[in-house]
C-alpha atoms as a PDB file:
ATOM      1  CA  UNK A   1     -28.231  10.806   4.390  1.00  0.00           C
ATOM      2  CA  UNK A   2     -28.130  13.278   7.278  1.00  0.00           C
ATOM      3  CA  UNK A   3     -25.280  12.272   9.562  1.00  0.00           C
ATOM      4  CA  UNK A   4     -26.356  11.475  13.091  1.00  0.00           C
ATOM      5  CA  UNK A   5     -24.344  12.987  15.882  1.00  0.00           C
ATOM      6  CA  UNK A   6     -22.668  10.547  18.276  1.00  0.00           C
ATOM      7  CA  UNK A   7     -24.109  11.109  21.752  1.00  0.00           C
ATOM      8  CA  UNK A   8     -21.315  12.355  23.982  1.00  0.00           C
ATOM      9  CA  UNK A   9     -22.651  10.680  27.093  1.00  0.00           C
ATOM     10  CA  UNK A  10     -22.379   7.114  25.816  1.00  0.00           C
ATOM     11  CA  UNK A  11     -20.359   5.050  28.266  1.00  0.00           C
ATOM     12  CA  UNK A  12     -20.248   1.335  27.424  1.00  0.00           C
ATOM     13  CA  UNK A  13     -20.097  -0.774  24.288  1.00  0.00           C
ATOM     14  CA  UNK A  14     -23.422  -2.389  25.136  1.00  0.00           C
ATOM     15  CA  UNK A  15     -25.055   0.959  25.827  1.00  0.00           C
ATOM     16  CA  UNK A  16     -28.606   0.871  24.507  1.00  0.00           C
ATOM     17  CA  UNK A  17     -28.245   4.277  22.886  1.00  0.00           C
ATOM     18  CA  UNK A  18     -25.207   3.105  20.903  1.00  0.00           C
ATOM     19  CA  UNK A  19     -27.102   0.073  19.699  1.00  0.00           C
ATOM     20  CA  UNK A  20     -30.048   2.251  18.764  1.00  0.00           C
ATOM     21  CA  UNK A  21     -27.799   4.536  16.770  1.00  0.00           C
ATOM     22  CA  UNK A  22     -26.310   1.615  14.854  1.00  0.00           C
ATOM     23  CA  UNK A  23     -29.723   0.097  14.204  1.00  0.00           C
ATOM     24  CA  UNK A  24     -31.023   3.434  12.904  1.00  0.00           C
ATOM     25  CA  UNK A  25     -28.350   3.726  10.191  1.00  0.00           C
ATOM     26  CA  UNK A  26     -29.125   2.776   6.567  1.00  0.00           C
ATOM     27  CA  UNK A  27     -28.353  -0.915   6.073  1.00  0.00           C
ATOM     28  CA  UNK A  28     -27.706  -3.384   3.283  1.00  0.00           C
ATOM     29  CA  UNK A  29     -26.494  -6.963   2.870  1.00  0.00           C
ATOM     30  CA  UNK A  30     -23.156  -7.832   1.223  1.00  0.00           C
ATOM     31  CA  UNK A  31     -22.083 -10.850  -0.838  1.00  0.00           C
ATOM     32  CA  UNK A  32     -21.727 -13.017   2.289  1.00  0.00           C
ATOM     33  CA  UNK A  33     -25.139 -12.109   3.638  1.00  0.00           C
ATOM     34  CA  UNK A  34     -23.574  -9.881   6.303  1.00  0.00           C
ATOM     35  CA  UNK A  35     -25.597  -6.845   7.320  1.00  0.00           C
ATOM     36  CA  UNK A  36     -23.687  -3.619   6.758  1.00  0.00           C
ATOM     37  CA  UNK A  37     -24.472  -0.154   8.119  1.00  0.00           C
ATOM     38  CA  UNK A  38     -23.763   3.062   6.220  1.00  0.00           C
ATOM     39  CA  UNK A  39     -21.910   5.613   8.303  1.00  0.00           C
ATOM     40  CA  UNK A  40     -20.210   8.811   7.135  1.00  0.00           C
ATOM     41  CA  UNK A  41     -20.264   7.663   3.517  1.00  0.00           C
ATOM     42  CA  UNK A  42     -19.033   4.074   3.867  1.00  0.00           C
ATOM     43  CA  UNK A  43     -20.358   0.637   4.854  1.00  0.00           C
ATOM     44  CA  UNK A  44     -19.319  -1.294   7.972  1.00  0.00           C
ATOM     45  CA  UNK A  45     -20.487  -4.420   9.753  1.00  0.00           C
ATOM     46  CA  UNK A  46     -22.049  -3.897  13.185  1.00  0.00           C
ATOM     47  CA  UNK A  47     -18.977  -5.019  15.155  1.00  0.00           C
ATOM     48  CA  UNK A  48     -16.725  -2.647  13.234  1.00  0.00           C
ATOM     49  CA  UNK A  49     -19.301   0.107  13.732  1.00  0.00           C
ATOM     50  CA  UNK A  50     -19.133  -0.437  17.475  1.00  0.00           C
ATOM     51  CA  UNK A  51     -15.351  -0.026  17.384  1.00  0.00           C
ATOM     52  CA  UNK A  52     -15.638   3.088  15.223  1.00  0.00           C
ATOM     53  CA  UNK A  53     -18.090   4.792  17.563  1.00  0.00           C
ATOM     54  CA  UNK A  54     -15.945   3.924  20.565  1.00  0.00           C
ATOM     55  CA  UNK A  55     -12.676   5.168  19.129  1.00  0.00           C
ATOM     56  CA  UNK A  56     -14.245   8.334  17.711  1.00  0.00           C
ATOM     57  CA  UNK A  57     -15.525   9.079  21.198  1.00  0.00           C
ATOM     58  CA  UNK A  58     -12.730   7.805  23.424  1.00  0.00           C
ATOM     59  CA  UNK A  59      -9.402   7.763  21.562  1.00  0.00           C
ATOM     60  CA  UNK A  60      -6.895  10.285  22.922  1.00  0.00           C
ATOM     61  CA  UNK A  61      -4.373  10.955  20.144  1.00  0.00           C
ATOM     62  CA  UNK A  62      -0.825  12.074  20.749  1.00  0.00           C
ATOM     63  CA  UNK A  63       0.888  14.536  18.412  1.00  0.00           C
ATOM     64  CA  UNK A  64       3.562  11.970  17.539  1.00  0.00           C
ATOM     65  CA  UNK A  65       1.135   9.168  16.636  1.00  0.00           C
ATOM     66  CA  UNK A  66       1.430   7.550  13.203  1.00  0.00           C
ATOM     67  CA  UNK A  67      -1.650   5.989  11.585  1.00  0.00           C
ATOM     68  CA  UNK A  68      -1.350   3.571   8.643  1.00  0.00           C
ATOM     69  CA  UNK A  69      -4.578   3.763   6.650  1.00  0.00           C
ATOM     70  CA  UNK A  70      -5.826   1.697   3.727  1.00  0.00           C
ATOM     71  CA  UNK A  71      -8.745  -0.009   2.091  1.00  0.00           C
ATOM     72  CA  UNK A  72      -8.485  -3.747   2.934  1.00  0.00           C
ATOM     73  CA  UNK A  73      -6.000  -5.749   0.834  1.00  0.00           C
ATOM     74  CA  UNK A  74      -4.196  -2.707  -0.558  1.00  0.00           C
ATOM     75  CA  UNK A  75      -0.696  -3.404   0.775  1.00  0.00           C
ATOM     76  CA  UNK A  76      -1.451  -2.793   4.449  1.00  0.00           C
ATOM     77  CA  UNK A  77       0.794  -5.552   5.823  1.00  0.00           C
ATOM     78  CA  UNK A  78       3.785  -4.422   3.770  1.00  0.00           C
ATOM     79  CA  UNK A  79       3.388  -0.746   4.687  1.00  0.00           C
ATOM     80  CA  UNK A  80       3.097  -1.648   8.366  1.00  0.00           C
ATOM     81  CA  UNK A  81       6.337  -3.633   8.170  1.00  0.00           C
ATOM     82  CA  UNK A  82       8.156  -0.811   6.365  1.00  0.00           C
ATOM     83  CA  UNK A  83       6.966   1.750   8.911  1.00  0.00           C
ATOM     84  CA  UNK A  84       7.987  -0.396  11.881  1.00  0.00           C
ATOM     85  CA  UNK A  85      11.404  -0.983  10.322  1.00  0.00           C
ATOM     86  CA  UNK A  86      11.858   2.748   9.692  1.00  0.00           C
ATOM     87  CA  UNK A  87      10.973   4.052  13.138  1.00  0.00           C
ATOM     88  CA  UNK A  88      12.639   1.179  15.008  1.00  0.00           C
ATOM     89  CA  UNK A  89      15.874   1.024  12.989  1.00  0.00           C
ATOM     90  CA  UNK A  90      18.085   2.636  15.634  1.00  0.00           C
ATOM     91  CA  UNK A  91      16.647   0.589  18.520  1.00  0.00           C
ATOM     92  CA  UNK A  92      17.104  -3.011  17.422  1.00  0.00           C
ATOM     93  CA  UNK A  93      19.648  -5.280  15.807  1.00  0.00           C
ATOM     94  CA  UNK A  94      18.805  -7.837  13.148  1.00  0.00           C
ATOM     95  CA  UNK A  95      18.630 -10.499  15.874  1.00  0.00           C
ATOM     96  CA  UNK A  96      15.977  -8.896  18.096  1.00  0.00           C
ATOM     97  CA  UNK A  97      13.946  -6.973  15.539  1.00  0.00           C
ATOM     98  CA  UNK A  98      10.202  -6.672  16.330  1.00  0.00           C
ATOM     99  CA  UNK A  99       9.313  -8.090  12.908  1.00  0.00           C
ATOM    100  CA  UNK A 100      10.997 -11.357  13.915  1.00  0.00           C
ATOM    101  CA  UNK A 101       8.802 -11.615  17.002  1.00  0.00           C
ATOM    102  CA  UNK A 102       5.361 -10.569  15.771  1.00  0.00           C
ATOM    103  CA  UNK A 103       3.287 -10.129  12.638  1.00  0.00           C
ATOM    104  CA  UNK A 104       3.022  -6.522  11.333  1.00  0.00           C
ATOM    105  CA  UNK A 105      -0.669  -6.517  12.321  1.00  0.00           C
ATOM    106  CA  UNK A 106       0.282  -7.341  15.906  1.00  0.00           C
ATOM    107  CA  UNK A 107       2.850  -4.544  15.949  1.00  0.00           C
ATOM    108  CA  UNK A 108       0.525  -1.964  14.382  1.00  0.00           C
ATOM    109  CA  UNK A 109      -2.999  -2.656  15.696  1.00  0.00           C
ATOM    110  CA  UNK A 110      -6.234  -1.445  14.094  1.00  0.00           C
ATOM    111  CA  UNK A 111      -7.907   1.348  16.045  1.00  0.00           C
ATOM    112  CA  UNK A 112     -11.387   0.044  15.306  1.00  0.00           C
ATOM    113  CA  UNK A 113     -10.402  -3.371  16.690  1.00  0.00           C
ATOM    114  CA  UNK A 114      -8.750  -1.933  19.804  1.00  0.00           C
ATOM    115  CA  UNK A 115     -11.932  -0.040  20.601  1.00  0.00           C
ATOM    116  CA  UNK A 116     -14.388  -2.872  20.001  1.00  0.00           C
ATOM    117  CA  UNK A 117     -14.286  -2.928  23.791  1.00  0.00           C
ATOM    118  CA  UNK A 118     -15.043   0.421  25.362  1.00  0.00           C
ATOM    119  CA  UNK A 119     -12.196   1.890  27.414  1.00  0.00           C
ATOM    120  CA  UNK A 120      -9.545  -0.608  26.241  1.00  0.00           C
ATOM    121  CA  UNK A 121      -6.252  -0.985  28.086  1.00  0.00           C
ATOM    122  CA  UNK A 122      -3.626   0.840  26.017  1.00  0.00           C
ATOM    123  CA  UNK A 123      -0.854   0.808  28.608  1.00  0.00           C
ATOM    124  CA  UNK A 124       1.096  -1.689  26.493  1.00  0.00           C
ATOM    125  CA  UNK A 125       1.250   0.840  23.637  1.00  0.00           C
ATOM    126  CA  UNK A 126       3.783   3.135  25.237  1.00  0.00           C
ATOM    127  CA  UNK A 127       6.474   3.632  22.587  1.00  0.00           C
ATOM    128  CA  UNK A 128       6.871   6.972  20.838  1.00  0.00           C
ATOM    129  CA  UNK A 129       5.821   7.332  18.158  1.00  0.00           C
ATOM    130  CA  UNK A 130       2.823   5.077  18.711  1.00  0.00           C
ATOM    131  CA  UNK A 131       1.853   3.133  15.590  1.00  0.00           C
ATOM    132  CA  UNK A 132      -1.778   2.434  14.731  1.00  0.00           C
ATOM    133  CA  UNK A 133      -3.705   1.438  11.641  1.00  0.00           C
ATOM    134  CA  UNK A 134      -7.215   1.731  10.289  1.00  0.00           C
ATOM    135  CA  UNK A 135      -9.451   0.710   7.386  1.00  0.00           C
ATOM    136  CA  UNK A 136     -11.989   3.509   7.950  1.00  0.00           C
ATOM    137  CA  UNK A 137     -12.477   6.420   5.556  1.00  0.00           C
ATOM    138  CA  UNK A 138     -10.601   9.692   6.094  1.00  0.00           C
ATOM    139  CA  UNK A 139     -13.524  11.734   7.413  1.00  0.00           C
ATOM    140  CA  UNK A 140     -14.253   9.064  10.030  1.00  0.00           C
ATOM    141  CA  UNK A 141     -10.618   8.839  11.135  1.00  0.00           C
ATOM    142  CA  UNK A 142     -10.169  12.611  11.226  1.00  0.00           C
ATOM    143  CA  UNK A 143     -13.075  12.984  13.640  1.00  0.00           C
ATOM    144  CA  UNK A 144     -11.393  10.550  16.031  1.00  0.00           C
ATOM    145  CA  UNK A 145      -8.052  12.373  15.848  1.00  0.00           C
ATOM    146  CA  UNK A 146      -9.609  15.577  17.213  1.00  0.00           C
ATOM    147  CA  UNK A 147      -7.438  17.879  15.031  1.00  0.00           C
ATOM    148  CA  UNK A 148      -4.219  16.224  16.176  1.00  0.00           C
ATOM    149  CA  UNK A 149      -1.189  16.901  13.920  1.00  0.00           C
ATOM    150  CA  UNK A 150      -0.244  13.227  13.949  1.00  0.00           C
ATOM    151  CA  UNK A 151       0.895  11.644  10.670  1.00  0.00           C
ATOM    152  CA  UNK A 152      -1.448   9.624   8.443  1.00  0.00           C
ATOM    153  CA  UNK A 153       0.005   7.394   5.732  1.00  0.00           C
ATOM    154  CA  UNK A 154      -2.465   6.016   3.196  1.00  0.00           C
ATOM    155  CA  UNK A 155      -1.680   3.307   0.652  1.00  0.00           C
ATOM    156  CA  UNK A 156      -3.999   2.591  -2.277  1.00  0.00           C
ATOM    157  CA  UNK A 157      -3.895  -0.064  -4.975  1.00  0.00           C
ATOM    158  CA  UNK A 158      -5.546  -0.932  -8.275  1.00  0.00           C
ATOM    159  CA  UNK A 159      -9.092  -2.027  -7.497  1.00  0.00           C
ATOM    160  CA  UNK A 160      -8.863  -5.219  -9.589  1.00  0.00           C
ATOM    161  CA  UNK A 161      -5.898  -6.522  -7.613  1.00  0.00           C
ATOM    162  CA  UNK A 162      -7.613  -5.467  -4.383  1.00  0.00           C
ATOM    163  CA  UNK A 163     -10.675  -7.454  -5.392  1.00  0.00           C
ATOM    164  CA  UNK A 164      -8.768 -10.646  -6.197  1.00  0.00           C
ATOM    165  CA  UNK A 165      -6.575 -10.344  -3.095  1.00  0.00           C
ATOM    166  CA  UNK A 166      -9.688  -9.898  -0.946  1.00  0.00           C
ATOM    167  CA  UNK A 167     -11.277 -12.957  -2.566  1.00  0.00           C
ATOM    168  CA  UNK A 168      -8.254 -15.136  -1.774  1.00  0.00           C
ATOM    169  CA  UNK A 169      -8.099 -13.759   1.760  1.00  0.00           C
ATOM    170  CA  UNK A 170     -11.758 -14.529   2.436  1.00  0.00           C
ATOM    171  CA  UNK A 171     -11.329 -18.060   1.088  1.00  0.00           C
ATOM    172  CA  UNK A 172      -8.318 -18.566   3.369  1.00  0.00           C
ATOM    173  CA  UNK A 173     -10.114 -17.202   6.433  1.00  0.00           C
ATOM    174  CA  UNK A 174     -13.204 -19.299   5.746  1.00  0.00           C
ATOM    175  CA  UNK A 175     -10.981 -22.294   4.855  1.00  0.00           C
ATOM    176  CA  UNK A 176     -12.755 -23.007   1.582  1.00  0.00           C
ATOM    177  CA  UNK A 177     -11.504 -23.687  -1.896  1.00  0.00           C
ATOM    178  CA  UNK A 178     -11.469 -20.735  -4.277  1.00  0.00           C
ATOM    179  CA  UNK A 179     -14.880 -20.913  -5.887  1.00  0.00           C
ATOM    180  CA  UNK A 180     -15.910 -18.883  -8.907  1.00  0.00           C
ATOM    181  CA  UNK A 181     -19.313 -18.225  -7.414  1.00  0.00           C
ATOM    182  CA  UNK A 182     -17.790 -16.334  -4.479  1.00  0.00           C
ATOM    183  CA  UNK A 183     -15.645 -14.269  -6.845  1.00  0.00           C
ATOM    184  CA  UNK A 184     -18.686 -13.406  -8.929  1.00  0.00           C
ATOM    185  CA  UNK A 185     -20.794 -12.370  -5.935  1.00  0.00           C
ATOM    186  CA  UNK A 186     -17.886 -10.408  -4.438  1.00  0.00           C
ATOM    187  CA  UNK A 187     -17.383  -8.693  -7.790  1.00  0.00           C
ATOM    188  CA  UNK A 188     -21.041  -7.638  -7.830  1.00  0.00           C
ATOM    189  CA  UNK A 189     -20.731  -6.216  -4.307  1.00  0.00           C
ATOM    190  CA  UNK A 190     -17.608  -4.270  -5.292  1.00  0.00           C
ATOM    191  CA  UNK A 191     -19.297  -2.824  -8.366  1.00  0.00           C
ATOM    192  CA  UNK A 192     -22.302  -1.790  -6.285  1.00  0.00           C
ATOM    193  CA  UNK A 193     -20.015  -0.314  -3.631  1.00  0.00           C
ATOM    194  CA  UNK A 194     -21.548  -2.454  -0.888  1.00  0.00           C
ATOM    195  CA  UNK A 195     -18.558  -4.074   0.828  1.00  0.00           C
ATOM    196  CA  UNK A 196     -17.198  -3.710   4.333  1.00  0.00           C
ATOM    197  CA  UNK A 197     -15.340  -0.336   4.375  1.00  0.00           C
ATOM    198  CA  UNK A 198     -16.542   0.413   0.830  1.00  0.00           C
ATOM    199  CA  UNK A 199     -17.292   1.849  -1.612  1.00  0.00           C
ATOM    200  CA  UNK A 200     -13.675   1.535  -2.741  1.00  0.00           C
ATOM    201  CA  UNK A 201     -13.769   4.825  -4.666  1.00  0.00           C
ATOM    202  CA  UNK A 202     -15.210   6.807  -1.764  1.00  0.00           C
ATOM    203  CA  UNK A 203     -12.493   5.437   0.502  1.00  0.00           C
ATOM    204  CA  UNK A 204      -9.604   6.290  -1.841  1.00  0.00           C
ATOM    205  CA  UNK A 205     -10.977   9.708  -2.762  1.00  0.00           C
ATOM    206  CA  UNK A 206     -11.445  10.640   0.893  1.00  0.00           C
ATOM    207  CA  UNK A 207      -7.710  10.246   1.569  1.00  0.00           C
ATOM    208  CA  UNK A 208      -6.711  11.784  -1.760  1.00  0.00           C
ATOM    209  CA  UNK A 209      -8.670  14.913  -0.844  1.00  0.00           C
ATOM    210  CA  UNK A 210      -7.217  14.798   2.670  1.00  0.00           C
ATOM    211  CA  UNK A 211      -3.673  14.696   1.282  1.00  0.00           C
ATOM    212  CA  UNK A 212      -4.372  17.731  -0.902  1.00  0.00           C
ATOM    213  CA  UNK A 213      -5.827  19.698   1.995  1.00  0.00           C
ATOM    214  CA  UNK A 214      -3.138  18.720   4.525  1.00  0.00           C
ATOM    215  CA  UNK A 215      -0.013  17.406   2.723  1.00  0.00           C
ATOM    216  CA  UNK A 216       2.183  17.906   5.806  1.00  0.00           C
ATOM    217  CA  UNK A 217       0.165  15.351   7.767  1.00  0.00           C
ATOM    218  CA  UNK A 218      -1.410  13.069   5.140  1.00  0.00           C
ATOM    219  CA  UNK A 219       0.767  11.066   2.730  1.00  0.00           C
ATOM    220  CA  UNK A 220      -0.931   9.382  -0.250  1.00  0.00           C
ATOM    221  CA  UNK A 221       1.103   6.396  -1.491  1.00  0.00           C
ATOM    222  CA  UNK A 222       0.459   4.189  -4.500  1.00  0.00           C
ATOM    223  CA  UNK A 223       1.133   0.469  -4.002  1.00  0.00           C
ATOM    224  CA  UNK A 224       2.335   0.029  -7.578  1.00  0.00           C
ATOM    225  CA  UNK A 225       4.958   2.765  -7.111  1.00  0.00           C
ATOM    226  CA  UNK A 226       6.139   1.083  -3.922  1.00  0.00           C
ATOM    227  CA  UNK A 227       6.636  -2.056  -6.002  1.00  0.00           C
ATOM    228  CA  UNK A 228       8.385  -0.442  -8.970  1.00  0.00           C
ATOM    229  CA  UNK A 229      10.585   2.039  -7.085  1.00  0.00           C
ATOM    230  CA  UNK A 230      10.748   0.938  -3.438  1.00  0.00           C
ATOM    231  CA  UNK A 231      14.014   2.778  -2.700  1.00  0.00           C
ATOM    232  CA  UNK A 232      12.611   6.177  -3.641  1.00  0.00           C
ATOM    233  CA  UNK A 233       9.244   5.540  -1.974  1.00  0.00           C
ATOM    234  CA  UNK A 234      10.826   4.355   1.285  1.00  0.00           C
ATOM    235  CA  UNK A 235      12.926   7.524   1.492  1.00  0.00           C
ATOM    236  CA  UNK A 236       9.791   9.546   0.736  1.00  0.00           C
ATOM    237  CA  UNK A 237       8.052   7.803   3.641  1.00  0.00           C
ATOM    238  CA  UNK A 238      11.046   8.415   5.924  1.00  0.00           C
ATOM    239  CA  UNK A 239      11.055  12.123   5.063  1.00  0.00           C
ATOM    240  CA  UNK A 240       7.315  12.415   5.725  1.00  0.00           C
ATOM    241  CA  UNK A 241       7.642  10.694   9.106  1.00  0.00           C
ATOM    242  CA  UNK A 242      10.594  12.862  10.092  1.00  0.00           C
ATOM    243  CA  UNK A 243      13.109  10.029  10.297  1.00  0.00           C
ATOM    244  CA  UNK A 244      15.245  10.686   7.224  1.00  0.00           C
ATOM    245  CA  UNK A 245      18.168   8.451   6.359  1.00  0.00           C
ATOM    246  CA  UNK A 246      21.546  10.006   7.052  1.00  0.00           C
ATOM    247  CA  UNK A 247      24.256  10.009   4.402  1.00  0.00           C
ATOM    248  CA  UNK A 248      26.090   7.405   6.449  1.00  0.00           C
ATOM    249  CA  UNK A 249      22.992   5.183   6.563  1.00  0.00           C
ATOM    250  CA  UNK A 250      22.478   5.399   2.827  1.00  0.00           C
ATOM    251  CA  UNK A 251      26.139   4.642   2.138  1.00  0.00           C
ATOM    252  CA  UNK A 252      26.078   1.675   4.514  1.00  0.00           C
ATOM    253  CA  UNK A 253      23.020   0.160   2.805  1.00  0.00           C
ATOM    254  CA  UNK A 254      20.365   0.818   5.478  1.00  0.00           C
ATOM    255  CA  UNK A 255      17.676   1.477   2.877  1.00  0.00           C
ATOM    256  CA  UNK A 256      18.332  -1.829   1.147  1.00  0.00           C
ATOM    257  CA  UNK A 257      18.459  -3.664   4.496  1.00  0.00           C
ATOM    258  CA  UNK A 258      14.975  -2.445   5.398  1.00  0.00           C
ATOM    259  CA  UNK A 259      13.612  -3.342   1.964  1.00  0.00           C
ATOM    260  CA  UNK A 260      15.127  -6.825   2.225  1.00  0.00           C
ATOM    261  CA  UNK A 261      13.781  -7.330   5.750  1.00  0.00           C
ATOM    262  CA  UNK A 262      10.287  -6.236   4.680  1.00  0.00           C
ATOM    263  CA  UNK A 263      10.175  -8.014   1.337  1.00  0.00           C
ATOM    264  CA  UNK A 264       7.235 -10.348   0.842  1.00  0.00           C
ATOM    265  CA  UNK A 265       9.502 -13.349   0.369  1.00  0.00           C
ATOM    266  CA  UNK A 266      11.329 -12.661   3.638  1.00  0.00           C
ATOM    267  CA  UNK A 267       8.259 -11.812   5.705  1.00  0.00           C
ATOM    268  CA  UNK A 268       6.268 -14.854   4.589  1.00  0.00           C
ATOM    269  CA  UNK A 269       9.186 -17.155   5.440  1.00  0.00           C
ATOM    270  CA  UNK A 270       9.727 -15.837   8.964  1.00  0.00           C
ATOM    271  CA  UNK A 271       8.753 -18.445  11.542  1.00  0.00           C
ATOM    272  CA  UNK A 272       6.303 -16.089  13.269  1.00  0.00           C
ATOM    273  CA  UNK A 273       4.401 -15.610  10.011  1.00  0.00           C
ATOM    274  CA  UNK A 274       4.373 -19.305   9.108  1.00  0.00           C
ATOM    275  CA  UNK A 275       2.998 -20.526  12.422  1.00  0.00           C
ATOM    276  CA  UNK A 276       1.573 -17.583  14.385  1.00  0.00           C
ATOM    277  CA  UNK A 277      -2.008 -16.348  14.757  1.00  0.00           C
ATOM    278  CA  UNK A 278      -3.599 -12.936  15.255  1.00  0.00           C
ATOM    279  CA  UNK A 279      -5.579 -11.991  18.351  1.00  0.00           C
ATOM    280  CA  UNK A 280      -8.662 -13.050  16.386  1.00  0.00           C
ATOM    281  CA  UNK A 281      -7.073 -16.470  15.706  1.00  0.00           C
ATOM    282  CA  UNK A 282      -6.460 -15.857  11.997  1.00  0.00           C
ATOM    283  CA  UNK A 283      -3.293 -17.502  10.683  1.00  0.00           C
ATOM    284  CA  UNK A 284      -0.497 -15.020  10.046  1.00  0.00           C
ATOM    285  CA  UNK A 285       0.268 -16.769   6.758  1.00  0.00           C
ATOM    286  CA  UNK A 286      -3.087 -15.673   5.305  1.00  0.00           C
ATOM    287  CA  UNK A 287      -1.719 -12.123   5.043  1.00  0.00           C
ATOM    288  CA  UNK A 288       0.972 -13.130   2.571  1.00  0.00           C
ATOM    289  CA  UNK A 289       0.198 -14.268  -0.973  1.00  0.00           C
ATOM    290  CA  UNK A 290       1.725 -12.961  -4.213  1.00  0.00           C
ATOM    291  CA  UNK A 291       1.648  -9.191  -3.827  1.00  0.00           C
ATOM    292  CA  UNK A 292       2.018  -8.899  -7.596  1.00  0.00           C
ATOM    293  CA  UNK A 293       0.839  -6.023  -9.738  1.00  0.00           C
ATOM    294  CA  UNK A 294      -1.733  -7.015 -12.364  1.00  0.00           C
ATOM    295  CA  UNK A 295      -2.320 -10.545 -11.062  1.00  0.00           C
ATOM    296  CA  UNK A 296      -6.076  -9.936 -11.316  1.00  0.00           C
ATOM    297  CA  UNK A 297      -5.971 -10.457 -15.074  1.00  0.00           C
ATOM    298  CA  UNK A 298      -5.540 -14.167 -14.382  1.00  0.00           C
ATOM    299  CA  UNK A 299      -8.897 -14.322 -12.597  1.00  0.00           C
ATOM    300  CA  UNK A 300     -11.253 -11.647 -13.922  1.00  0.00           C
ATOM    301  CA  UNK A 301     -13.036 -12.160 -17.235  1.00  0.00           C
ATOM    302  CA  UNK A 302     -12.736  -9.485 -19.958  1.00  0.00           C
ATOM    303  CA  UNK A 303     -16.349  -8.562 -19.233  1.00  0.00           C
ATOM    304  CA  UNK A 304     -15.573  -8.069 -15.535  1.00  0.00           C
ATOM    305  CA  UNK A 305     -12.548  -5.928 -16.324  1.00  0.00           C
ATOM    306  CA  UNK A 306     -14.475  -3.775 -18.763  1.00  0.00           C
ATOM    307  CA  UNK A 307     -17.296  -3.193 -16.308  1.00  0.00           C
ATOM    308  CA  UNK A 308     -15.074  -2.222 -13.419  1.00  0.00           C
ATOM    309  CA  UNK A 309     -12.927  -0.017 -15.691  1.00  0.00           C
ATOM    310  CA  UNK A 310     -16.034   1.944 -16.653  1.00  0.00           C
ATOM    311  CA  UNK A 311     -17.073   2.361 -13.030  1.00  0.00           C
ATOM    312  CA  UNK A 312     -13.613   3.527 -11.961  1.00  0.00           C
ATOM    313  CA  UNK A 313     -13.388   5.963 -14.875  1.00  0.00           C
ATOM    314  CA  UNK A 314     -16.693   7.492 -13.829  1.00  0.00           C
ATOM    315  CA  UNK A 315     -16.009   7.599 -10.093  1.00  0.00           C
ATOM    316  CA  UNK A 316     -12.513   9.099 -10.343  1.00  0.00           C
ATOM    317  CA  UNK A 317     -13.349  11.636 -13.015  1.00  0.00           C
ATOM    318  CA  UNK A 318     -12.024  15.045 -11.973  1.00  0.00           C
ATOM    319  CA  UNK A 319      -9.186  13.636  -9.845  1.00  0.00           C
ATOM    320  CA  UNK A 320      -5.572  13.113 -10.882  1.00  0.00           C
ATOM    321  CA  UNK A 321      -5.645   9.511  -9.643  1.00  0.00           C
ATOM    322  CA  UNK A 322      -4.471   7.140 -12.376  1.00  0.00           C
ATOM    323  CA  UNK A 323      -4.972   3.377 -12.472  1.00  0.00           C
END
């Protein structure tokens, strides 16, 4: 499709011209019956689209900003916790750590959610570096950053585990039992590429290409490598963000302390994550399940796995991305 330019004179979220732009985009319906709009190569629901248009137009990036990016259910919560723990490690003790007081999603808000309301109040986000997150594709985020040299950290995960994790998450949010019919319809949407923020392959490839073009400012992390070698990957993240561990920190066990603090078992058992809710009233506990690699094999049929393997092989042909 020919991309439509965002009118520069749009002022409010309910501006008629904004609504006309959204309504003019190609549309489709996902597995839930939600209408999605196609914008800059990916699909978004109308509310997310509103936030995207607002933050592309109005966000004023700072050079020191850090943006955590991901396709939904790819290890976002864990990476947010690790990043908070890294940049805040010299400011807080174990007794007053931010992760004890708020969920990682409260500490690292989504840009597209912040800007669902035009001209949001960002005075409470005053720390440096500022931490944000997003589920939008690279080309959409880059337009909003206005060539800022801020750091972008992207985490990606095997599509089968993403699919199953997303299924469980939706069931938890909707407060329904896990039903095979929902998994089957969600699977079909994934294979067709018509899911909120999808297609999965377009999303991952956009950041992969971005990391090749600008490795100083875009870090491409693999969830499975974070799981198998967290010590090395955490130090890699620290180096990228410019907050390397000193020799004294490494000798005193600072790396291991952060990994312990941010482990799934610890995070899910913190009181704030057992009882708290997000600004949208979702239970914090819904963001913590197994976090295992390969758990999808317990839910997908051999036929499902074969089909999605063929799609992934085709879509990622020519890249060095390995599943």
